[in-house]
Amino acid sequence: MTVDDALAELAGLGDAYKAGEMAAYHKAERPYFGIANPVIYDCCARWREALSLEGRIQLASDLWDSNVHEARVAAAKLLVQARINPDDAAWQLIASWVPTFDAWAIADHACGAGSRRLVADPTRLDEVEGWTTSDHLWTKRAALVMTLPWTKQKHPKPEELAARERILGWAATYVTDPNWFIQKSVSWWLRDLGRRDPDRVWAFLDAHGDAMKPFARKDASRKLPPR
């Protein structure tokens, strides 16, 4: 399986009308084939079975470099796996994509792959912390989107609680950033955490909510139980 094979297969599944709709919706200047995500996922499942880990990482890299929307989705999906051993090359590839993010959909797919690698090795949070002060919007946003697994632990261990507090510290520095996507990343993190630890989210909002945009504060609190 080469990148040319993969691109040819994806192109053959495309729909020109849908491609135009997708280009208008995503507003990012790149080629679109017009393929629904589940169809891309089916392709990736077959490719994953046919390739070694090294082959998957190479194909993911080449697909990303093609700059085709569906190919970048596929690149991320090829690396969405809880257990990859060794996974340093996969993490390094995903991290190398972050500065090239330019739209939320592809960024979210890549963050989904990256989040597995962070859970596998939480020491990588040291690298992610550097993203929080980036001037690049999508890099800054990725620090919260990629760390969403720390909102979901039902019975967090002490080290997981410590990581959660660390990330909430990052979020606290974001609340004065007026950009809609940054504000939304904070509210997303808080809303997900609120399902597990509503008291901690209320405490965050008490401390920082006045600095948040009204829509973000409302989004963060809309599923919280009343106090």
C-alpha atoms as a PDB file:
ATOM      1  CA  MET A   1       0.000   0.000   0.000  1.00  0.00           C
ATOM      2  CA  THR A   2       1.572   3.238  -1.185  1.00  0.00           C
ATOM      3  CA  VAL A   3       0.252   6.735  -0.793  1.00  0.00           C
ATOM      4  CA  ASP A   4      -0.618   6.747  -4.493  1.00  0.00           C
ATOM      5  CA  ASP A   5      -2.677   3.575  -4.023  1.00  0.00           C
ATOM      6  CA  ALA A   6      -4.454   5.073  -1.015  1.00  0.00           C
ATOM      7  CA  LEU A   7      -5.182   8.375  -2.735  1.00  0.00           C
ATOM      8  CA  ALA A   8      -6.477   6.585  -5.829  1.00  0.00           C
ATOM      9  CA  GLU A   9      -8.819   4.499  -3.684  1.00  0.00           C
ATOM     10  CA  LEU A  10     -10.111   7.560  -1.853  1.00  0.00           C
ATOM     11  CA  ALA A  11     -10.530   9.549  -5.066  1.00  0.00           C
ATOM     12  CA  GLY A  12     -12.572   6.682  -6.525  1.00  0.00           C
ATOM     13  CA  LEU A  13     -14.988   6.948  -3.614  1.00  0.00           C
ATOM     14  CA  GLY A  14     -15.451  10.685  -3.987  1.00  0.00           C
ATOM     15  CA  ASP A  15     -18.474  12.753  -4.907  1.00  0.00           C
ATOM     16  CA  ALA A  16     -17.780  16.021  -6.714  1.00  0.00           C
ATOM     17  CA  TYR A  17     -20.944  17.735  -5.483  1.00  0.00           C
ATOM     18  CA  LYS A  18     -20.276  16.785  -1.882  1.00  0.00           C
ATOM     19  CA  ALA A  19     -16.658  17.872  -2.297  1.00  0.00           C
ATOM     20  CA  GLY A  20     -17.868  21.369  -3.156  1.00  0.00           C
ATOM     21  CA  GLU A  21     -20.141  21.408  -0.114  1.00  0.00           C
ATOM     22  CA  MET A  22     -17.306  20.288   2.127  1.00  0.00           C
ATOM     23  CA  ALA A  23     -14.943  22.937   0.794  1.00  0.00           C
ATOM     24  CA  ALA A  24     -17.526  25.626   1.527  1.00  0.00           C
ATOM     25  CA  TYR A  25     -18.202  24.244   5.001  1.00  0.00           C
ATOM     26  CA  HIS A  26     -14.632  23.713   6.195  1.00  0.00           C
ATOM     27  CA  LYS A  27     -13.319  26.933   4.598  1.00  0.00           C
ATOM     28  CA  ALA A  28      -9.767  25.590   4.341  1.00  0.00           C
ATOM     29  CA  GLU A  29      -7.934  25.855   1.045  1.00  0.00           C
ATOM     30  CA  ARG A  30      -7.150  22.252   0.084  1.00  0.00           C
ATOM     31  CA  PRO A  31      -8.495  19.525  -2.234  1.00  0.00           C
ATOM     32  CA  TYR A  32     -11.638  17.664  -1.170  1.00  0.00           C
ATOM     33  CA  PHE A  33     -12.859  14.347  -2.558  1.00  0.00           C
ATOM     34  CA  GLY A  34     -16.309  14.456  -0.961  1.00  0.00           C
ATOM     35  CA  ILE A  35     -16.248  11.292   1.185  1.00  0.00           C
ATOM     36  CA  ALA A  36     -18.151  10.664   4.405  1.00  0.00           C
ATOM     37  CA  ASN A  37     -15.989   9.885   7.424  1.00  0.00           C
ATOM     38  CA  PRO A  38     -17.340   6.333   7.976  1.00  0.00           C
ATOM     39  CA  VAL A  39     -16.201   5.419   4.458  1.00  0.00           C
ATOM     40  CA  ILE A  40     -12.717   6.757   5.224  1.00  0.00           C
ATOM     41  CA  TYR A  41     -12.688   4.751   8.458  1.00  0.00           C
ATOM     42  CA  ASP A  42     -13.525   1.550   6.555  1.00  0.00           C
ATOM     43  CA  CYS A  43     -10.578   2.136   4.238  1.00  0.00           C
ATOM     44  CA  CYS A  44      -8.272   2.747   7.183  1.00  0.00           C
ATOM     45  CA  ALA A  45      -9.370  -0.454   8.901  1.00  0.00           C
ATOM     46  CA  ARG A  46      -8.344  -2.467   5.854  1.00  0.00           C
ATOM     47  CA  TRP A  47      -5.080  -0.606   5.389  1.00  0.00           C
ATOM     48  CA  ARG A  48      -4.199  -0.992   9.051  1.00  0.00           C
ATOM     49  CA  GLU A  49      -4.566  -4.775   8.845  1.00  0.00           C
ATOM     50  CA  ALA A  50      -2.358  -4.958   5.758  1.00  0.00           C
ATOM     51  CA  LEU A  51       0.497  -2.791   7.057  1.00  0.00           C
ATOM     52  CA  SER A  52       3.224  -3.096   9.641  1.00  0.00           C
ATOM     53  CA  LEU A  53       3.478  -0.355  12.259  1.00  0.00           C
ATOM     54  CA  GLU A  54       6.334   1.204  10.315  1.00  0.00           C
ATOM     55  CA  GLY A  55       4.260   1.030   7.139  1.00  0.00           C
ATOM     56  CA  ARG A  56       1.268   2.662   8.831  1.00  0.00           C
ATOM     57  CA  ILE A  57       3.357   5.531  10.141  1.00  0.00           C
ATOM     58  CA  GLN A  58       4.889   6.101   6.714  1.00  0.00           C
ATOM     59  CA  LEU A  59       1.507   5.993   4.991  1.00  0.00           C
ATOM     60  CA  ALA A  60       0.041   8.367   7.586  1.00  0.00           C
ATOM     61  CA  SER A  61       2.912  10.786   7.011  1.00  0.00           C
ATOM     62  CA  ASP A  62       2.518  10.660   3.243  1.00  0.00           C
ATOM     63  CA  LEU A  63      -1.263  11.035   3.387  1.00  0.00           C
ATOM     64  CA  TRP A  64      -0.932  14.091   5.611  1.00  0.00           C
ATOM     65  CA  ASP A  65       1.609  15.630   3.261  1.00  0.00           C
ATOM     66  CA  SER A  66      -0.807  15.236   0.345  1.00  0.00           C
ATOM     67  CA  ASN A  67      -2.949  17.995   1.927  1.00  0.00           C
ATOM     68  CA  VAL A  68      -6.176  16.348   0.702  1.00  0.00           C
ATOM     69  CA  HIS A  69      -8.862  16.707   3.374  1.00  0.00           C
ATOM     70  CA  GLU A  70      -9.901  13.068   3.423  1.00  0.00           C
ATOM     71  CA  ALA A  71      -6.287  11.925   3.264  1.00  0.00           C
ATOM     72  CA  ARG A  72      -5.465  13.924   6.381  1.00  0.00           C
ATOM     73  CA  VAL A  73      -8.471  12.432   8.155  1.00  0.00           C
ATOM     74  CA  ALA A  74      -7.223   8.994   7.122  1.00  0.00           C
ATOM     75  CA  ALA A  75      -3.693   9.803   8.295  1.00  0.00           C
ATOM     76  CA  ALA A  76      -4.984  10.554  11.774  1.00  0.00           C
ATOM     77  CA  LYS A  77      -7.323   7.562  11.802  1.00  0.00           C
ATOM     78  CA  LEU A  78      -4.471   5.195  10.951  1.00  0.00           C
ATOM     79  CA  LEU A  79      -2.858   6.166  14.268  1.00  0.00           C
ATOM     80  CA  VAL A  80      -5.964   6.081  16.476  1.00  0.00           C
ATOM     81  CA  GLN A  81      -5.066   3.076  18.580  1.00  0.00           C
ATOM     82  CA  ALA A  82      -4.761   2.655  22.322  1.00  0.00           C
ATOM     83  CA  ARG A  83      -1.752   0.366  22.160  1.00  0.00           C
ATOM     84  CA  ILE A  84       1.134   1.083  19.806  1.00  0.00           C
ATOM     85  CA  ASN A  85       4.466  -0.340  20.876  1.00  0.00           C
ATOM     86  CA  PRO A  86       6.844   1.322  20.410  1.00  0.00           C
ATOM     87  CA  ASP A  87       4.958   4.566  19.878  1.00  0.00           C
ATOM     88  CA  ASP A  88       7.631   7.286  19.865  1.00  0.00           C
ATOM     89  CA  ALA A  89       7.559   7.585  16.078  1.00  0.00           C
ATOM     90  CA  ALA A  90       3.759   7.818  16.050  1.00  0.00           C
ATOM     91  CA  TRP A  91       3.785  10.525  18.715  1.00  0.00           C
ATOM     92  CA  GLN A  92       6.530  12.490  16.978  1.00  0.00           C
ATOM     93  CA  LEU A  93       4.579  12.388  13.721  1.00  0.00           C
ATOM     94  CA  ILE A  94       1.346  13.556  15.336  1.00  0.00           C
ATOM     95  CA  ALA A  95       3.148  16.326  17.224  1.00  0.00           C
ATOM     96  CA  SER A  96       4.771  17.447  13.969  1.00  0.00           C
ATOM     97  CA  TRP A  97       1.317  17.926  12.461  1.00  0.00           C
ATOM     98  CA  VAL A  98       0.128  20.312  15.162  1.00  0.00           C
ATOM     99  CA  PRO A  99       1.789  23.481  13.762  1.00  0.00           C
ATOM    100  CA  THR A 100       0.123  22.751  10.400  1.00  0.00           C
ATOM    101  CA  PHE A 101      -3.428  22.623  11.784  1.00  0.00           C
ATOM    102  CA  ASP A 102      -5.633  25.169  10.050  1.00  0.00           C
ATOM    103  CA  ALA A 103      -9.202  23.944  10.605  1.00  0.00           C
ATOM    104  CA  TRP A 104     -11.093  22.316  13.456  1.00  0.00           C
ATOM    105  CA  ALA A 105     -12.204  19.058  11.813  1.00  0.00           C
ATOM    106  CA  ILE A 106      -8.796  17.756  10.766  1.00  0.00           C
ATOM    107  CA  ALA A 107      -7.271  19.096  13.981  1.00  0.00           C
ATOM    108  CA  ASP A 108      -9.814  17.149  16.034  1.00  0.00           C
ATOM    109  CA  HIS A 109      -9.068  13.904  14.202  1.00  0.00           C
ATOM    110  CA  ALA A 110      -5.350  14.350  14.803  1.00  0.00           C
ATOM    111  CA  CYS A 111      -5.960  15.276  18.437  1.00  0.00           C
ATOM    112  CA  GLY A 112      -7.924  12.056  18.826  1.00  0.00           C
ATOM    113  CA  ALA A 113      -4.865  10.109  17.734  1.00  0.00           C
ATOM    114  CA  GLY A 114      -2.569  12.219  19.882  1.00  0.00           C
ATOM    115  CA  SER A 115      -4.682  11.796  22.999  1.00  0.00           C
ATOM    116  CA  ARG A 116      -4.026   8.031  22.952  1.00  0.00           C
ATOM    117  CA  ARG A 117      -0.304   8.671  22.889  1.00  0.00           C
ATOM    118  CA  LEU A 118      -0.549  11.112  25.782  1.00  0.00           C
ATOM    119  CA  VAL A 119      -2.476   8.601  27.874  1.00  0.00           C
ATOM    120  CA  ALA A 120       0.116   5.966  26.991  1.00  0.00           C
ATOM    121  CA  ASP A 121       2.927   8.272  28.158  1.00  0.00           C
ATOM    122  CA  PRO A 122       1.750  11.220  30.283  1.00  0.00           C
ATOM    123  CA  THR A 123       5.282  12.614  30.466  1.00  0.00           C
ATOM    124  CA  ARG A 124       4.490  13.998  27.011  1.00  0.00           C
ATOM    125  CA  LEU A 125       2.335  16.591  28.771  1.00  0.00           C
ATOM    126  CA  ASP A 126       5.616  18.451  29.309  1.00  0.00           C
ATOM    127  CA  GLU A 127       5.820  18.956  25.535  1.00  0.00           C
ATOM    128  CA  VAL A 128       2.130  19.829  25.240  1.00  0.00           C
ATOM    129  CA  GLU A 129       2.485  22.495  27.921  1.00  0.00           C
ATOM    130  CA  GLY A 130       4.750  24.368  25.533  1.00  0.00           C
ATOM    131  CA  TRP A 131       1.861  24.609  23.088  1.00  0.00           C
ATOM    132  CA  THR A 132      -0.221  26.652  25.535  1.00  0.00           C
ATOM    133  CA  THR A 133       1.777  29.819  24.873  1.00  0.00           C
ATOM    134  CA  SER A 134       1.939  29.413  21.097  1.00  0.00           C
ATOM    135  CA  ASP A 135       0.884  32.282  18.853  1.00  0.00           C
ATOM    136  CA  HIS A 136      -0.638  29.674  16.534  1.00  0.00           C
ATOM    137  CA  LEU A 137      -4.340  29.384  17.391  1.00  0.00           C
ATOM    138  CA  TRP A 138      -4.667  25.710  16.508  1.00  0.00           C
ATOM    139  CA  THR A 139      -1.562  24.682  18.446  1.00  0.00           C
ATOM    140  CA  LYS A 140      -2.861  26.478  21.531  1.00  0.00           C
ATOM    141  CA  ARG A 141      -6.282  24.868  21.119  1.00  0.00           C
ATOM    142  CA  ALA A 142      -4.760  21.408  20.634  1.00  0.00           C
ATOM    143  CA  ALA A 143      -3.314  21.473  24.156  1.00  0.00           C
ATOM    144  CA  LEU A 144      -6.844  21.247  25.575  1.00  0.00           C
ATOM    145  CA  VAL A 145      -8.476  19.113  22.888  1.00  0.00           C
ATOM    146  CA  MET A 146      -5.722  16.495  23.021  1.00  0.00           C
ATOM    147  CA  THR A 147      -5.910  16.266  26.812  1.00  0.00           C
ATOM    148  CA  LEU A 148      -9.653  15.582  27.015  1.00  0.00           C
ATOM    149  CA  PRO A 149      -9.057  12.025  28.346  1.00  0.00           C
ATOM    150  CA  TRP A 150      -8.197  13.615  31.708  1.00  0.00           C
ATOM    151  CA  THR A 151     -11.827  14.772  31.964  1.00  0.00           C
ATOM    152  CA  LYS A 152     -13.169  11.243  31.639  1.00  0.00           C
ATOM    153  CA  GLN A 153     -11.556   9.140  34.385  1.00  0.00           C
ATOM    154  CA  LYS A 154     -14.277   7.845  36.705  1.00  0.00           C
ATOM    155  CA  HIS A 155     -11.895   6.988  39.539  1.00  0.00           C
ATOM    156  CA  PRO A 156      -8.744   9.035  38.866  1.00  0.00           C
ATOM    157  CA  LYS A 157      -5.508   8.032  40.514  1.00  0.00           C
ATOM    158  CA  PRO A 158      -3.459  10.695  42.328  1.00  0.00           C
ATOM    159  CA  GLU A 159      -1.206  11.216  39.313  1.00  0.00           C
ATOM    160  CA  GLU A 160      -4.256  11.594  37.071  1.00  0.00           C
ATOM    161  CA  LEU A 161      -5.756  14.173  39.412  1.00  0.00           C
ATOM    162  CA  ALA A 162      -2.453  16.024  39.373  1.00  0.00           C
ATOM    163  CA  ALA A 163      -2.471  16.047  35.561  1.00  0.00           C
ATOM    164  CA  ARG A 164      -6.082  17.253  35.606  1.00  0.00           C
ATOM    165  CA  GLU A 165      -5.143  20.164  37.851  1.00  0.00           C
ATOM    166  CA  ARG A 166      -2.177  20.961  35.645  1.00  0.00           C
ATOM    167  CA  ILE A 167      -4.384  21.146  32.565  1.00  0.00           C
ATOM    168  CA  LEU A 168      -6.990  23.231  34.389  1.00  0.00           C
ATOM    169  CA  GLY A 169      -4.133  25.611  35.115  1.00  0.00           C
ATOM    170  CA  TRP A 170      -3.570  25.915  31.376  1.00  0.00           C
ATOM    171  CA  ALA A 171      -7.276  26.508  30.856  1.00  0.00           C
ATOM    172  CA  ALA A 172      -7.194  29.289  33.439  1.00  0.00           C
ATOM    173  CA  THR A 173      -4.632  31.127  31.299  1.00  0.00           C
ATOM    174  CA  TYR A 174      -6.909  30.807  28.267  1.00  0.00           C
ATOM    175  CA  VAL A 175      -9.998  32.508  29.702  1.00  0.00           C
ATOM    176  CA  THR A 176      -8.850  36.009  28.732  1.00  0.00           C
ATOM    177  CA  ASP A 177      -8.143  34.990  25.131  1.00  0.00           C
ATOM    178  CA  PRO A 178     -11.097  36.359  23.123  1.00  0.00           C
ATOM    179  CA  ASN A 179     -10.782  33.915  20.216  1.00  0.00           C
ATOM    180  CA  TRP A 180     -13.950  31.848  19.834  1.00  0.00           C
ATOM    181  CA  PHE A 181     -12.082  28.569  19.293  1.00  0.00           C
ATOM    182  CA  ILE A 182      -9.958  29.087  22.416  1.00  0.00           C
ATOM    183  CA  GLN A 183     -12.984  29.957  24.521  1.00  0.00           C
ATOM    184  CA  LYS A 184     -14.793  26.918  23.116  1.00  0.00           C
ATOM    185  CA  SER A 185     -11.855  24.649  23.960  1.00  0.00           C
ATOM    186  CA  VAL A 186     -12.078  25.770  27.598  1.00  0.00           C
ATOM    187  CA  SER A 187     -15.831  25.245  27.779  1.00  0.00           C
ATOM    188  CA  TRP A 188     -15.511  21.846  26.079  1.00  0.00           C
ATOM    189  CA  TRP A 189     -12.935  20.703  28.636  1.00  0.00           C
ATOM    190  CA  LEU A 190     -15.038  21.949  31.540  1.00  0.00           C
ATOM    191  CA  ARG A 191     -18.284  20.522  30.192  1.00  0.00           C
ATOM    192  CA  ASP A 192     -16.731  17.074  29.820  1.00  0.00           C
ATOM    193  CA  LEU A 193     -15.149  17.270  33.275  1.00  0.00           C
ATOM    194  CA  GLY A 194     -18.491  18.323  34.732  1.00  0.00           C
ATOM    195  CA  ARG A 195     -19.902  14.874  34.038  1.00  0.00           C
ATOM    196  CA  ARG A 196     -17.347  13.401  36.463  1.00  0.00           C
ATOM    197  CA  ASP A 197     -16.473  16.229  38.842  1.00  0.00           C
ATOM    198  CA  PRO A 198     -19.077  19.014  38.785  1.00  0.00           C
ATOM    199  CA  ASP A 199     -17.782  20.553  42.004  1.00  0.00           C
ATOM    200  CA  ARG A 200     -14.375  21.148  40.436  1.00  0.00           C
ATOM    201  CA  VAL A 201     -15.975  22.797  37.425  1.00  0.00           C
ATOM    202  CA  TRP A 202     -18.079  25.061  39.641  1.00  0.00           C
ATOM    203  CA  ALA A 203     -14.905  26.001  41.509  1.00  0.00           C
ATOM    204  CA  PHE A 204     -13.178  26.869  38.213  1.00  0.00           C
ATOM    205  CA  LEU A 205     -16.128  28.981  37.104  1.00  0.00           C
ATOM    206  CA  ASP A 206     -16.247  30.763  40.445  1.00  0.00           C
ATOM    207  CA  ALA A 207     -12.572  31.646  40.061  1.00  0.00           C
ATOM    208  CA  HIS A 208     -12.392  32.362  36.337  1.00  0.00           C
ATOM    209  CA  GLY A 209     -15.902  32.451  34.890  1.00  0.00           C
ATOM    210  CA  ASP A 210     -16.201  36.240  34.905  1.00  0.00           C
ATOM    211  CA  ALA A 211     -13.240  36.433  32.507  1.00  0.00           C
ATOM    212  CA  MET A 212     -14.805  33.963  30.057  1.00  0.00           C
ATOM    213  CA  LYS A 213     -17.027  34.950  27.175  1.00  0.00           C
ATOM    214  CA  PRO A 214     -20.702  34.545  28.173  1.00  0.00           C
ATOM    215  CA  PHE A 215     -21.304  31.807  25.590  1.00  0.00           C
ATOM    216  CA  ALA A 216     -18.343  29.788  26.897  1.00  0.00           C
ATOM    217  CA  ARG A 217     -19.392  30.066  30.522  1.00  0.00           C
ATOM    218  CA  LYS A 218     -22.931  29.051  29.585  1.00  0.00           C
ATOM    219  CA  ASP A 219     -21.656  26.092  27.553  1.00  0.00           C
ATOM    220  CA  ALA A 220     -19.364  24.964  30.380  1.00  0.00           C
ATOM    221  CA  SER A 221     -22.158  25.011  32.947  1.00  0.00           C
ATOM    222  CA  ARG A 222     -25.202  23.918  30.983  1.00  0.00           C
ATOM    223  CA  LYS A 223     -25.063  20.289  32.126  1.00  0.00           C
ATOM    224  CA  LEU A 224     -23.884  20.915  35.678  1.00  0.00           C
ATOM    225  CA  PRO A 225     -26.198  19.997  38.541  1.00  0.00           C
ATOM    226  CA  PRO A 226     -27.482  23.023  40.487  1.00  0.00           C
ATOM    227  CA  ARG A 227     -25.691  24.003  43.659  1.00  0.00           C
END
